[in-house]
Amino acid sequence: PPGLAYAMKLHEHQKHLTLDRHLFSIHAA
């Protein structure tokens, strides 16, 4: 997910993002 990638600084070594939205990233408490 873009928000998670940005917050964890994973984008620092990436150049392109394709918003195909293939999976709804579920987190359960």
PDB file of all heavy atoms in Angstrom:
ATOM      1  N   PRO A   1       0.838  -1.198   0.000  1.00  0.00           N
ATOM      2  CA  PRO A   1       0.000   0.000   0.000  1.00  0.00           C
ATOM      3  C   PRO A   1       0.875   1.251   0.000  1.00  0.00           C
ATOM      4  O   PRO A   1       1.894   1.289   0.714  1.00  0.00           O
ATOM      5  CB  PRO A   1      -0.790  -0.115   1.313  1.00  0.00           C
ATOM      6  CG  PRO A   1      -0.704  -1.553   1.696  1.00  0.00           C
ATOM      7  CD  PRO A   1       0.625  -2.010   1.218  1.00  0.00           C
ATOM      8  N   PRO A   2       0.529   2.266  -0.761  1.00  0.00           N
ATOM      9  CA  PRO A   2       1.345   3.486  -0.820  1.00  0.00           C
ATOM     10  C   PRO A   2       1.586   4.141   0.538  1.00  0.00           C
ATOM     11  O   PRO A   2       2.710   4.580   0.819  1.00  0.00           O
ATOM     12  CB  PRO A   2       0.533   4.402  -1.743  1.00  0.00           C
ATOM     13  CG  PRO A   2      -0.213   3.456  -2.630  1.00  0.00           C
ATOM     14  CD  PRO A   2      -0.569   2.299  -1.735  1.00  0.00           C
ATOM     15  N   GLY A   3       0.556   4.206   1.379  1.00  0.00           N
ATOM     16  CA  GLY A   3       0.724   4.848   2.682  1.00  0.00           C
ATOM     17  C   GLY A   3       1.729   4.133   3.553  1.00  0.00           C
ATOM     18  O   GLY A   3       2.564   4.758   4.220  1.00  0.00           O
ATOM     19  N   LEU A   4       1.656   2.818   3.566  1.00  0.00           N
ATOM     20  CA  LEU A   4       2.584   2.022   4.364  1.00  0.00           C
ATOM     21  C   LEU A   4       3.993   2.135   3.798  1.00  0.00           C
ATOM     22  O   LEU A   4       4.978   2.266   4.544  1.00  0.00           O
ATOM     23  CB  LEU A   4       2.131   0.569   4.380  1.00  0.00           C
ATOM     24  CG  LEU A   4       2.919  -0.404   5.262  1.00  0.00           C
ATOM     25  CD1 LEU A   4       2.890   0.040   6.718  1.00  0.00           C
ATOM     26  CD2 LEU A   4       2.354  -1.811   5.115  1.00  0.00           C
ATOM     27  N   ALA A   5       4.113   2.082   2.476  1.00  0.00           N
ATOM     28  CA  ALA A   5       5.426   2.185   1.838  1.00  0.00           C
ATOM     29  C   ALA A   5       6.087   3.511   2.158  1.00  0.00           C
ATOM     30  O   ALA A   5       7.293   3.566   2.449  1.00  0.00           O
ATOM     31  CB  ALA A   5       5.284   2.013   0.331  1.00  0.00           C
ATOM     32  N   TYR A   6       5.309   4.588   2.125  1.00  0.00           N
ATOM     33  CA  TYR A   6       5.881   5.909   2.414  1.00  0.00           C
ATOM     34  C   TYR A   6       6.284   6.017   3.878  1.00  0.00           C
ATOM     35  O   TYR A   6       7.388   6.501   4.187  1.00  0.00           O
ATOM     36  CB  TYR A   6       4.879   7.011   2.056  1.00  0.00           C
ATOM     37  CG  TYR A   6       5.445   8.400   2.250  1.00  0.00           C
ATOM     38  CD1 TYR A   6       6.310   8.945   1.308  1.00  0.00           C
ATOM     39  CD2 TYR A   6       5.127   9.144   3.377  1.00  0.00           C
ATOM     40  CE1 TYR A   6       6.860  10.216   1.479  1.00  0.00           C
ATOM     41  CE2 TYR A   6       5.670  10.420   3.566  1.00  0.00           C
ATOM     42  CZ  TYR A   6       6.528  10.942   2.619  1.00  0.00           C
ATOM     43  OH  TYR A   6       7.078  12.199   2.805  1.00  0.00           O
ATOM     44  N   ALA A   7       5.430   5.570   4.766  1.00  0.00           N
ATOM     45  CA  ALA A   7       5.717   5.684   6.205  1.00  0.00           C
ATOM     46  C   ALA A   7       6.959   4.897   6.598  1.00  0.00           C
ATOM     47  O   ALA A   7       7.726   5.320   7.472  1.00  0.00           O
ATOM     48  CB  ALA A   7       4.521   5.206   7.017  1.00  0.00           C
ATOM     49  N   MET A   8       7.170   3.742   5.961  1.00  0.00           N
ATOM     50  CA  MET A   8       8.318   2.893   6.282  1.00  0.00           C
ATOM     51  C   MET A   8       9.536   3.208   5.405  1.00  0.00           C
ATOM     52  O   MET A   8      10.530   2.494   5.438  1.00  0.00           O
ATOM     53  CB  MET A   8       7.931   1.419   6.116  1.00  0.00           C
ATOM     54  CG  MET A   8       6.755   0.979   6.977  1.00  0.00           C
ATOM     55  SD  MET A   8       7.013   1.212   8.747  1.00  0.00           S
ATOM     56  CE  MET A   8       8.219  -0.076   9.087  1.00  0.00           C
ATOM     57  N   LYS A   9       9.427   4.302   4.597  1.00  0.00           N
ATOM     58  CA  LYS A   9      10.523   4.778   3.749  1.00  0.00           C
ATOM     59  C   LYS A   9      10.956   3.770   2.686  1.00  0.00           C
ATOM     60  O   LYS A   9      12.074   3.812   2.182  1.00  0.00           O
ATOM     61  CB  LYS A   9      11.733   5.202   4.603  1.00  0.00           C
ATOM     62  CG  LYS A   9      11.405   6.261   5.646  1.00  0.00           C
ATOM     63  CD  LYS A   9      12.651   6.726   6.373  1.00  0.00           C
ATOM     64  CE  LYS A   9      12.326   7.682   7.505  1.00  0.00           C
ATOM     65  NZ  LYS A   9      11.621   8.894   7.055  1.00  0.00           N
ATOM     66  N   LEU A  10      10.056   2.861   2.331  1.00  0.00           N
ATOM     67  CA  LEU A  10      10.385   1.850   1.325  1.00  0.00           C
ATOM     68  C   LEU A  10      10.498   2.455  -0.066  1.00  0.00           C
ATOM     69  O   LEU A  10      11.134   1.878  -0.951  1.00  0.00           O
ATOM     70  CB  LEU A  10       9.317   0.756   1.336  1.00  0.00           C
ATOM     71  CG  LEU A  10       9.151  -0.009   2.654  1.00  0.00           C
ATOM     72  CD1 LEU A  10       7.960  -0.958   2.567  1.00  0.00           C
ATOM     73  CD2 LEU A  10      10.423  -0.776   3.005  1.00  0.00           C
ATOM     74  N   HIS A  11       9.894   3.622  -0.259  1.00  0.00           N
ATOM     75  CA  HIS A  11       9.937   4.276  -1.562  1.00  0.00           C
ATOM     76  C   HIS A  11      11.312   4.831  -1.894  1.00  0.00           C
ATOM     77  O   HIS A  11      11.578   5.182  -3.051  1.00  0.00           O
ATOM     78  CB  HIS A  11       8.931   5.426  -1.586  1.00  0.00           C
ATOM     79  CG  HIS A  11       9.309   6.556  -0.666  1.00  0.00           C
ATOM     80  ND1 HIS A  11       9.189   6.457   0.706  1.00  0.00           N
ATOM     81  CD2 HIS A  11       9.828   7.784  -0.915  1.00  0.00           C
ATOM     82  CE1 HIS A  11       9.613   7.586   1.254  1.00  0.00           C
ATOM     83  NE2 HIS A  11       9.997   8.402   0.301  1.00  0.00           N
ATOM     84  N   GLU A  12      12.189   4.903  -0.918  1.00  0.00           N
ATOM     85  CA  GLU A  12      13.487   5.534  -1.122  1.00  0.00           C
ATOM     86  C   GLU A  12      14.329   4.828  -2.187  1.00  0.00           C
ATOM     87  O   GLU A  12      15.246   5.421  -2.752  1.00  0.00           O
ATOM     88  CB  GLU A  12      14.252   5.595   0.197  1.00  0.00           C
ATOM     89  CG  GLU A  12      13.630   6.552   1.206  1.00  0.00           C
ATOM     90  CD  GLU A  12      14.373   6.619   2.519  1.00  0.00           C
ATOM     91  OE1 GLU A  12      15.249   5.741   2.755  1.00  0.00           O
ATOM     92  OE2 GLU A  12      14.084   7.524   3.316  1.00  0.00           O
ATOM     93  N   HIS A  13      14.015   3.575  -2.454  1.00  0.00           N
ATOM     94  CA  HIS A  13      14.771   2.823  -3.455  1.00  0.00           C
ATOM     95  C   HIS A  13      13.860   2.357  -4.600  1.00  0.00           C
ATOM     96  O   HIS A  13      14.121   1.339  -5.230  1.00  0.00           O
ATOM     97  CB  HIS A  13      15.462   1.633  -2.789  1.00  0.00           C
ATOM     98  CG  HIS A  13      16.345   2.042  -1.650  1.00  0.00           C
ATOM     99  ND1 HIS A  13      17.557   2.662  -1.832  1.00  0.00           N
ATOM    100  CD2 HIS A  13      16.162   1.964  -0.303  1.00  0.00           C
ATOM    101  CE1 HIS A  13      18.100   2.931  -0.655  1.00  0.00           C
ATOM    102  NE2 HIS A  13      17.273   2.520   0.283  1.00  0.00           N
ATOM    103  N   GLN A  14      12.806   3.137  -4.846  1.00  0.00           N
ATOM    104  CA  GLN A  14      11.876   2.841  -5.927  1.00  0.00           C
ATOM    105  C   GLN A  14      11.664   4.102  -6.769  1.00  0.00           C
ATOM    106  O   GLN A  14      11.912   5.223  -6.309  1.00  0.00           O
ATOM    107  CB  GLN A  14      10.532   2.367  -5.359  1.00  0.00           C
ATOM    108  CG  GLN A  14      10.636   1.141  -4.441  1.00  0.00           C
ATOM    109  CD  GLN A  14      10.868  -0.149  -5.194  1.00  0.00           C
ATOM    110  OE1 GLN A  14       9.958  -0.874  -5.544  1.00  0.00           O
ATOM    111  NE2 GLN A  14      12.140  -0.448  -5.466  1.00  0.00           N
ATOM    112  N   LYS A  15      11.193   3.916  -8.002  1.00  0.00           N
ATOM    113  CA  LYS A  15      10.975   5.052  -8.898  1.00  0.00           C
ATOM    114  C   LYS A  15       9.553   5.109  -9.453  1.00  0.00           C
ATOM    115  O   LYS A  15       9.086   6.177  -9.859  1.00  0.00           O
ATOM    116  CB  LYS A  15      11.962   4.999 -10.074  1.00  0.00           C
ATOM    117  CG  LYS A  15      13.421   5.136  -9.667  1.00  0.00           C
ATOM    118  CD  LYS A  15      14.334   5.033 -10.888  1.00  0.00           C
ATOM    119  CE  LYS A  15      15.801   5.134 -10.496  1.00  0.00           C
ATOM    120  NZ  LYS A  15      16.704   4.993 -11.678  1.00  0.00           N
ATOM    121  N   HIS A  16       8.874   3.959  -9.493  1.00  0.00           N
ATOM    122  CA  HIS A  16       7.569   3.891 -10.156  1.00  0.00           C
ATOM    123  C   HIS A  16       6.533   3.222  -9.254  1.00  0.00           C
ATOM    124  O   HIS A  16       6.842   2.293  -8.510  1.00  0.00           O
ATOM    125  CB  HIS A  16       7.683   3.100 -11.463  1.00  0.00           C
ATOM    126  CG  HIS A  16       8.711   3.642 -12.402  1.00  0.00           C
ATOM    127  ND1 HIS A  16       8.474   4.685 -13.265  1.00  0.00           N
ATOM    128  CD2 HIS A  16      10.010   3.268 -12.616  1.00  0.00           C
ATOM    129  CE1 HIS A  16       9.568   4.940 -13.970  1.00  0.00           C
ATOM    130  NE2 HIS A  16      10.516   4.088 -13.591  1.00  0.00           N
ATOM    131  N   LEU A  17       5.308   3.697  -9.355  1.00  0.00           N
ATOM    132  CA  LEU A  17       4.169   3.110  -8.642  1.00  0.00           C
ATOM    133  C   LEU A  17       3.015   2.961  -9.621  1.00  0.00           C
ATOM    134  O   LEU A  17       2.623   3.922 -10.296  1.00  0.00           O
ATOM    135  CB  LEU A  17       3.748   4.007  -7.474  1.00  0.00           C
ATOM    136  CG  LEU A  17       2.390   3.713  -6.819  1.00  0.00           C
ATOM    137  CD1 LEU A  17       2.334   2.299  -6.255  1.00  0.00           C
ATOM    138  CD2 LEU A  17       2.087   4.738  -5.722  1.00  0.00           C
ATOM    139  N   THR A  18       2.477   1.744  -9.718  1.00  0.00           N
ATOM    140  CA  THR A  18       1.326   1.465 -10.573  1.00  0.00           C
ATOM    141  C   THR A  18       0.137   1.141  -9.681  1.00  0.00           C
ATOM    142  O   THR A  18       0.130   0.128  -8.970  1.00  0.00           O
ATOM    143  CB  THR A  18       1.603   0.266 -11.501  1.00  0.00           C
ATOM    144  OG1 THR A  18       2.766   0.553 -12.278  1.00  0.00           O
ATOM    145  CG2 THR A  18       0.414   0.011 -12.422  1.00  0.00           C
ATOM    146  N   LEU A  19      -0.873   1.974  -9.700  1.00  0.00           N
ATOM    147  CA  LEU A  19      -2.016   1.834  -8.796  1.00  0.00           C
ATOM    148  C   LEU A  19      -3.029   0.825  -9.346  1.00  0.00           C
ATOM    149  O   LEU A  19      -4.162   1.169  -9.689  1.00  0.00           O
ATOM    150  CB  LEU A  19      -2.680   3.194  -8.565  1.00  0.00           C
ATOM    151  CG  LEU A  19      -1.845   4.218  -7.786  1.00  0.00           C
ATOM    152  CD1 LEU A  19      -2.532   5.574  -7.771  1.00  0.00           C
ATOM    153  CD2 LEU A  19      -1.607   3.727  -6.360  1.00  0.00           C
ATOM    154  N   ASP A  20      -2.628  -0.435  -9.381  1.00  0.00           N
ATOM    155  CA  ASP A  20      -3.558  -1.470  -9.829  1.00  0.00           C
ATOM    156  C   ASP A  20      -4.444  -1.972  -8.694  1.00  0.00           C
ATOM    157  O   ASP A  20      -5.418  -2.669  -8.925  1.00  0.00           O
ATOM    158  CB  ASP A  20      -2.798  -2.647 -10.446  1.00  0.00           C
ATOM    159  CG  ASP A  20      -2.026  -3.435  -9.407  1.00  0.00           C
ATOM    160  OD1 ASP A  20      -1.254  -2.816  -8.636  1.00  0.00           O
ATOM    161  OD2 ASP A  20      -2.177  -4.672  -9.347  1.00  0.00           O
ATOM    162  N   ARG A  21      -4.098  -1.638  -7.437  1.00  0.00           N
ATOM    163  CA  ARG A  21      -4.928  -1.933  -6.259  1.00  0.00           C
ATOM    164  C   ARG A  21      -5.374  -3.397  -6.246  1.00  0.00           C
ATOM    165  O   ARG A  21      -6.541  -3.723  -6.145  1.00  0.00           O
ATOM    166  CB  ARG A  21      -6.137  -0.987  -6.249  1.00  0.00           C
ATOM    167  CG  ARG A  21      -5.754   0.459  -6.012  1.00  0.00           C
ATOM    168  CD  ARG A  21      -6.863   1.425  -6.393  1.00  0.00           C
ATOM    169  NE  ARG A  21      -8.086   1.202  -5.651  1.00  0.00           N
ATOM    170  CZ  ARG A  21      -8.371   1.776  -4.480  1.00  0.00           C
ATOM    171  NH1 ARG A  21      -7.506   2.589  -3.912  1.00  0.00           N
ATOM    172  NH2 ARG A  21      -9.509   1.531  -3.882  1.00  0.00           N
ATOM    173  N   HIS A  22      -4.402  -4.297  -6.321  1.00  0.00           N
ATOM    174  CA  HIS A  22      -4.740  -5.704  -6.490  1.00  0.00           C
ATOM    175  C   HIS A  22      -5.203  -6.409  -5.222  1.00  0.00           C
ATOM    176  O   HIS A  22      -5.936  -7.393  -5.299  1.00  0.00           O
ATOM    177  CB  HIS A  22      -3.558  -6.473  -7.108  1.00  0.00           C
ATOM    178  CG  HIS A  22      -2.254  -6.267  -6.417  1.00  0.00           C
ATOM    179  ND1 HIS A  22      -1.313  -5.362  -6.872  1.00  0.00           N
ATOM    180  CD2 HIS A  22      -1.706  -6.853  -5.324  1.00  0.00           C
ATOM    181  CE1 HIS A  22      -0.242  -5.402  -6.091  1.00  0.00           C
ATOM    182  NE2 HIS A  22      -0.461  -6.300  -5.143  1.00  0.00           N
ATOM    183  N   LEU A  23      -4.772  -5.945  -4.064  1.00  0.00           N
ATOM    184  CA  LEU A  23      -5.170  -6.611  -2.818  1.00  0.00           C
ATOM    185  C   LEU A  23      -5.499  -5.588  -1.739  1.00  0.00           C
ATOM    186  O   LEU A  23      -4.773  -4.610  -1.546  1.00  0.00           O
ATOM    187  CB  LEU A  23      -4.048  -7.525  -2.312  1.00  0.00           C
ATOM    188  CG  LEU A  23      -3.888  -8.889  -2.970  1.00  0.00           C
ATOM    189  CD1 LEU A  23      -2.566  -9.521  -2.556  1.00  0.00           C
ATOM    190  CD2 LEU A  23      -5.056  -9.802  -2.594  1.00  0.00           C
ATOM    191  N   PHE A  24      -6.563  -5.842  -1.016  1.00  0.00           N
ATOM    192  CA  PHE A  24      -6.952  -5.030   0.135  1.00  0.00           C
ATOM    193  C   PHE A  24      -6.156  -5.566   1.323  1.00  0.00           C
ATOM    194  O   PHE A  24      -6.378  -6.681   1.775  1.00  0.00           O
ATOM    195  CB  PHE A  24      -8.459  -5.171   0.374  1.00  0.00           C
ATOM    196  CG  PHE A  24      -9.030  -4.182   1.349  1.00  0.00           C
ATOM    197  CD1 PHE A  24      -9.060  -2.827   1.046  1.00  0.00           C
ATOM    198  CD2 PHE A  24      -9.571  -4.605   2.553  1.00  0.00           C
ATOM    199  CE1 PHE A  24      -9.615  -1.907   1.937  1.00  0.00           C
ATOM    200  CE2 PHE A  24     -10.128  -3.703   3.444  1.00  0.00           C
ATOM    201  CZ  PHE A  24     -10.149  -2.350   3.132  1.00  0.00           C
ATOM    202  N   SER A  25      -5.201  -4.775   1.796  1.00  0.00           N
ATOM    203  CA  SER A  25      -4.259  -5.259   2.814  1.00  0.00           C
ATOM    204  C   SER A  25      -4.894  -5.240   4.199  1.00  0.00           C
ATOM    205  O   SER A  25      -4.976  -4.203   4.856  1.00  0.00           O
ATOM    206  CB  SER A  25      -2.986  -4.402   2.801  1.00  0.00           C
ATOM    207  OG  SER A  25      -2.011  -4.939   3.661  1.00  0.00           O
ATOM    208  N   ILE A  26      -5.338  -6.403   4.635  1.00  0.00           N
ATOM    209  CA  ILE A  26      -6.075  -6.529   5.896  1.00  0.00           C
ATOM    210  C   ILE A  26      -5.121  -6.698   7.074  1.00  0.00           C
ATOM    211  O   ILE A  26      -4.161  -7.454   7.008  1.00  0.00           O
ATOM    212  CB  ILE A  26      -7.022  -7.738   5.821  1.00  0.00           C
ATOM    213  CG1 ILE A  26      -8.040  -7.554   4.698  1.00  0.00           C
ATOM    214  CG2 ILE A  26      -7.725  -7.967   7.159  1.00  0.00           C
ATOM    215  CD1 ILE A  26      -8.774  -8.825   4.338  1.00  0.00           C
ATOM    216  N   HIS A  27      -5.397  -5.985   8.144  1.00  0.00           N
ATOM    217  CA  HIS A  27      -4.683  -6.160   9.406  1.00  0.00           C
ATOM    218  C   HIS A  27      -5.721  -6.439  10.489  1.00  0.00           C
ATOM    219  O   HIS A  27      -6.734  -5.744  10.585  1.00  0.00           O
ATOM    220  CB  HIS A  27      -3.882  -4.915   9.777  1.00  0.00           C
ATOM    221  CG  HIS A  27      -2.645  -4.734   8.951  1.00  0.00           C
ATOM    222  ND1 HIS A  27      -1.451  -4.343   9.486  1.00  0.00           N
ATOM    223  CD2 HIS A  27      -2.401  -4.912   7.625  1.00  0.00           C
ATOM    224  CE1 HIS A  27      -0.517  -4.273   8.542  1.00  0.00           C
ATOM    225  NE2 HIS A  27      -1.091  -4.611   7.398  1.00  0.00           N
ATOM    226  N   ALA A  28      -5.467  -7.457  11.305  1.00  0.00           N
ATOM    227  CA  ALA A  28      -6.419  -7.842  12.349  1.00  0.00           C
ATOM    228  C   ALA A  28      -5.778  -7.709  13.718  1.00  0.00           C
ATOM    229  O   ALA A  28      -4.634  -8.132  13.927  1.00  0.00           O
ATOM    230  CB  ALA A  28      -6.887  -9.281  12.136  1.00  0.00           C
ATOM    231  N   ALA A  29      -6.504  -7.102  14.640  1.00  0.00           N
ATOM    232  CA  ALA A  29      -6.072  -7.009  16.038  1.00  0.00           C
ATOM    233  C   ALA A  29      -6.651  -8.203  16.788  1.00  0.00           C
ATOM    234  O   ALA A  29      -7.865  -8.430  16.781  1.00  0.00           O
ATOM    235  CB  ALA A  29      -6.560  -5.708  16.666  1.00  0.00           C
TER     236      ALA A  29
END
